[in-house]
N, C-alpha and C. Protein backbone atom coordinates (compact mmCIF):
# COMPACT_ATOMS: atom_id res chain seq x y z
N UNK A 1 21.00 -16.72 -5.50
CA UNK A 1 20.44 -18.18 -4.56
C UNK A 1 19.27 -18.39 -5.37
N UNK A 2 17.95 -17.57 -5.52
CA UNK A 2 16.53 -18.12 -6.25
C UNK A 2 17.27 -19.06 -7.50
N UNK A 3 17.93 -18.31 -8.18
CA UNK A 3 18.55 -19.15 -9.73
C UNK A 3 18.86 -20.43 -9.32
N UNK A 4 20.01 -20.48 -8.16
CA UNK A 4 20.92 -22.22 -8.13
C UNK A 4 19.34 -22.92 -7.55
N UNK A 5 18.87 -22.32 -6.52
CA UNK A 5 17.73 -23.27 -6.16
C UNK A 5 16.37 -23.49 -7.33
N UNK A 6 16.34 -22.79 -8.19
CA UNK A 6 15.35 -23.04 -9.14
C UNK A 6 15.56 -24.15 -9.94
N UNK A 7 17.27 -24.18 -9.91
CA UNK A 7 18.02 -25.17 -10.98
C UNK A 7 18.17 -26.41 -10.19
N UNK A 8 18.17 -26.62 -8.72
CA UNK A 8 18.49 -27.74 -7.81
C UNK A 8 17.10 -27.89 -7.67
N UNK A 9 16.26 -27.29 -8.37
CA UNK A 9 14.65 -28.69 -8.56
C UNK A 9 15.08 -29.20 -9.30
N UNK A 10 14.72 -28.40 -10.36
CA UNK A 10 14.66 -29.01 -11.85
C UNK A 10 15.60 -30.08 -12.13
N UNK A 11 16.67 -30.11 -11.69
CA UNK A 11 18.13 -31.36 -11.40
C UNK A 11 16.96 -32.58 -10.46
N UNK A 12 16.62 -32.18 -9.56
CA UNK A 12 16.34 -33.44 -8.80
C UNK A 12 14.63 -33.84 -9.14
N UNK A 13 14.27 -33.11 -10.07
CA UNK A 13 12.78 -33.91 -10.68
C UNK A 13 13.69 -34.58 -11.79
N UNK A 14 14.46 -34.13 -12.87
CA UNK A 14 15.25 -35.01 -13.15
C UNK A 14 15.80 -36.29 -13.26
N UNK A 15 15.85 -36.12 -11.68
CA UNK A 15 16.86 -37.02 -10.77
C UNK A 15 15.60 -38.13 -10.67
N UNK A 16 14.76 -37.72 -10.20
CA UNK A 16 13.51 -38.42 -9.89
C UNK A 16 12.65 -39.10 -11.05
N UNK A 17 12.33 -38.24 -12.01
CA UNK A 17 12.04 -39.14 -13.02
C UNK A 17 12.97 -40.72 -14.04
N UNK A 18 14.44 -39.95 -13.95
CA UNK A 18 15.30 -41.18 -14.28
C UNK A 18 14.88 -42.34 -13.45
N UNK A 19 15.53 -41.81 -12.01
CA UNK A 19 14.97 -43.10 -11.07
C UNK A 19 13.85 -43.68 -11.13
N UNK A 20 12.91 -43.32 -11.33
CA UNK A 20 11.37 -43.97 -11.79
C UNK A 20 11.54 -44.97 -12.67
N UNK A 21 12.60 -44.31 -14.10
CA UNK A 21 12.61 -45.17 -15.42
C UNK A 21 13.66 -46.18 -15.19
N UNK A 22 14.89 -46.11 -14.15
CA UNK A 22 15.75 -47.08 -13.90
C UNK A 22 14.81 -47.82 -12.86
N UNK A 23 14.07 -47.37 -12.30
CA UNK A 23 13.08 -48.86 -11.34
C UNK A 23 12.15 -49.66 -12.03
N UNK A 24 11.86 -49.12 -12.73
CA UNK A 24 10.95 -49.67 -13.82
C UNK A 24 11.52 -50.78 -14.64
N UNK A 25 12.87 -50.46 -15.04
CA UNK A 25 13.70 -51.54 -15.28
C UNK A 25 13.96 -52.23 -14.90
N UNK A 26 14.90 -51.73 -13.40
CA UNK A 26 15.05 -52.91 -12.70
C UNK A 26 14.23 -53.61 -12.38
N UNK A 27 13.06 -53.09 -11.61
CA UNK A 27 11.82 -54.13 -11.67
C UNK A 27 11.86 -55.54 -12.62
N UNK A 28 11.88 -54.90 -13.35
CA UNK A 28 11.67 -56.13 -14.73
C UNK A 28 13.02 -57.03 -14.44
N UNK A 29 14.35 -56.28 -14.50
CA UNK A 29 15.09 -57.55 -14.49
C UNK A 29 15.19 -58.41 -13.44
N UNK A 30 14.50 -57.32 -12.38
CA UNK A 30 15.08 -58.51 -10.59
C UNK A 30 13.79 -59.17 -10.65
N UNK A 31 12.16 -58.96 -11.44
CA UNK A 31 11.15 -60.33 -12.11
C UNK A 31 11.88 -61.33 -12.29
N UNK A 32 12.83 -60.81 -13.20
CA UNK A 32 13.64 -62.26 -14.04
C UNK A 32 14.81 -62.81 -13.34
N UNK A 33 15.33 -61.84 -12.33
CA UNK A 33 16.25 -62.86 -11.36
C UNK A 33 16.04 -63.04 -10.64
N UNK A 34 14.65 -63.01 -9.62
CA UNK A 34 13.78 -63.69 -8.84
C UNK A 34 13.62 -64.96 -9.03
N UNK A 35 12.99 -64.58 -10.64
CA UNK A 35 12.37 -65.98 -10.89
C UNK A 35 13.93 -67.46 -11.51
N UNK A 36 14.70 -66.57 -11.92
CA UNK A 36 15.92 -67.43 -12.04
C UNK A 36 16.38 -67.81 -10.53
N UNK A 37 16.37 -67.43 -9.34
CA UNK A 37 16.58 -67.57 -7.75
C UNK A 37 15.53 -68.60 -7.57
N UNK A 38 14.33 -68.55 -7.72
CA UNK A 38 13.03 -69.26 -7.43
C UNK A 38 13.80 -70.81 -7.99
N UNK A 39 14.14 -70.87 -9.15
CA UNK A 39 14.46 -72.44 -9.57
C UNK A 39 15.70 -73.26 -8.76
């Protein structure tokens, strides 16, 4: 169980980092689309 728990923690951390990376990309894209929508 401990090994699985450790793996799940590292997996969650990896997902967290990936989501932060995606959020930065999408924030940029959202800014662009918001600018287009405001026009």
